[in-house]
Amino acid sequence: MAKRKKAKQPKLQITPRNPFATDPLMKKGGVHQKTFKSQRKNSKNALRKQIAEHSILRFFGF
């Protein structure tokens, strides 16, 4: 039997990497938290609700 020639495999080309994906600043990612501004806004809204509730109760004599 005659030996068959092996088909040449194409060489893999090295693709350029994304420099932004390996940026050290990108490693700081993780769990997202509410911003300080939104936390402050939520606390102000909660205070306003408490004041409104208290003033309604005083209006009706409770």
Protein backbone atom coordinates (compact mmCIF):
# COMPACT_ATOMS: atom_id res chain seq x y z
CA MET A 1 0.00 0.00 0.00
CA ALA A 2 1.09 3.48 -0.80
CA LYS A 3 1.32 6.02 2.00
CA ARG A 4 -0.92 9.02 1.76
CA LYS A 5 0.48 12.47 2.16
CA LYS A 6 -0.70 14.32 5.21
CA ALA A 7 -2.62 17.47 4.49
CA LYS A 8 -0.83 20.56 5.72
CA GLN A 9 -2.63 22.27 8.54
CA PRO A 10 -2.85 26.02 8.20
CA LYS A 11 -0.79 27.93 10.72
CA LEU A 12 -2.81 29.75 13.31
CA GLN A 13 -2.39 33.47 13.12
CA ILE A 14 -2.00 35.26 16.41
CA THR A 15 -4.70 37.88 16.62
CA PRO A 16 -3.89 41.18 18.26
CA ARG A 17 -5.26 41.47 21.77
CA ASN A 18 -7.52 44.25 22.95
CA PRO A 19 -5.29 46.52 25.07
CA PHE A 20 -8.29 47.92 26.95
CA ALA A 21 -9.43 44.47 28.08
CA THR A 22 -6.18 43.91 29.97
CA ASP A 23 -5.97 47.46 31.30
CA PRO A 24 -5.20 47.46 35.06
CA LEU A 25 -8.01 49.93 35.69
CA MET A 26 -10.52 47.45 34.28
CA LYS A 27 -9.62 44.96 37.02
CA LYS A 28 -11.28 47.26 39.54
CA GLY A 29 -14.69 46.06 38.41
CA GLY A 30 -16.99 44.13 40.66
CA VAL A 31 -20.21 44.55 42.53
CA HIS A 32 -21.82 47.87 41.69
CA GLN A 33 -23.05 50.01 44.53
CA LYS A 34 -25.41 52.95 44.70
CA THR A 35 -23.70 56.29 44.24
CA PHE A 36 -23.37 58.63 47.19
CA LYS A 37 -25.74 61.03 45.46
CA SER A 38 -28.49 58.41 45.15
CA GLN A 39 -27.99 57.29 48.75
CA ARG A 40 -28.33 60.89 49.94
CA LYS A 41 -31.43 61.37 47.78
CA ASN A 42 -33.04 58.21 49.19
CA SER A 43 -32.39 59.33 52.76
CA LYS A 44 -33.87 62.77 52.04
CA ASN A 45 -36.98 61.17 50.52
CA ALA A 46 -37.36 58.88 53.52
CA LEU A 47 -37.12 61.88 55.86
CA ARG A 48 -39.72 63.78 53.82
CA LYS A 49 -42.07 60.78 54.03
CA GLN A 50 -41.65 60.62 57.81
CA ILE A 51 -42.32 64.35 58.13
CA ALA A 52 -45.37 64.12 55.90
CA GLU A 53 -46.72 61.15 57.84
CA HIS A 54 -46.11 62.89 61.15
CA SER A 55 -47.80 66.10 59.99
CA ILE A 56 -50.85 64.17 58.72
CA LEU A 57 -51.13 62.37 62.06
CA ARG A 58 -50.93 65.69 63.95
CA PHE A 59 -53.54 67.20 61.62
CA PHE A 60 -56.02 64.46 62.49
CA GLY A 61 -55.14 64.58 66.18
CA PHE A 62 -53.33 61.26 66.54
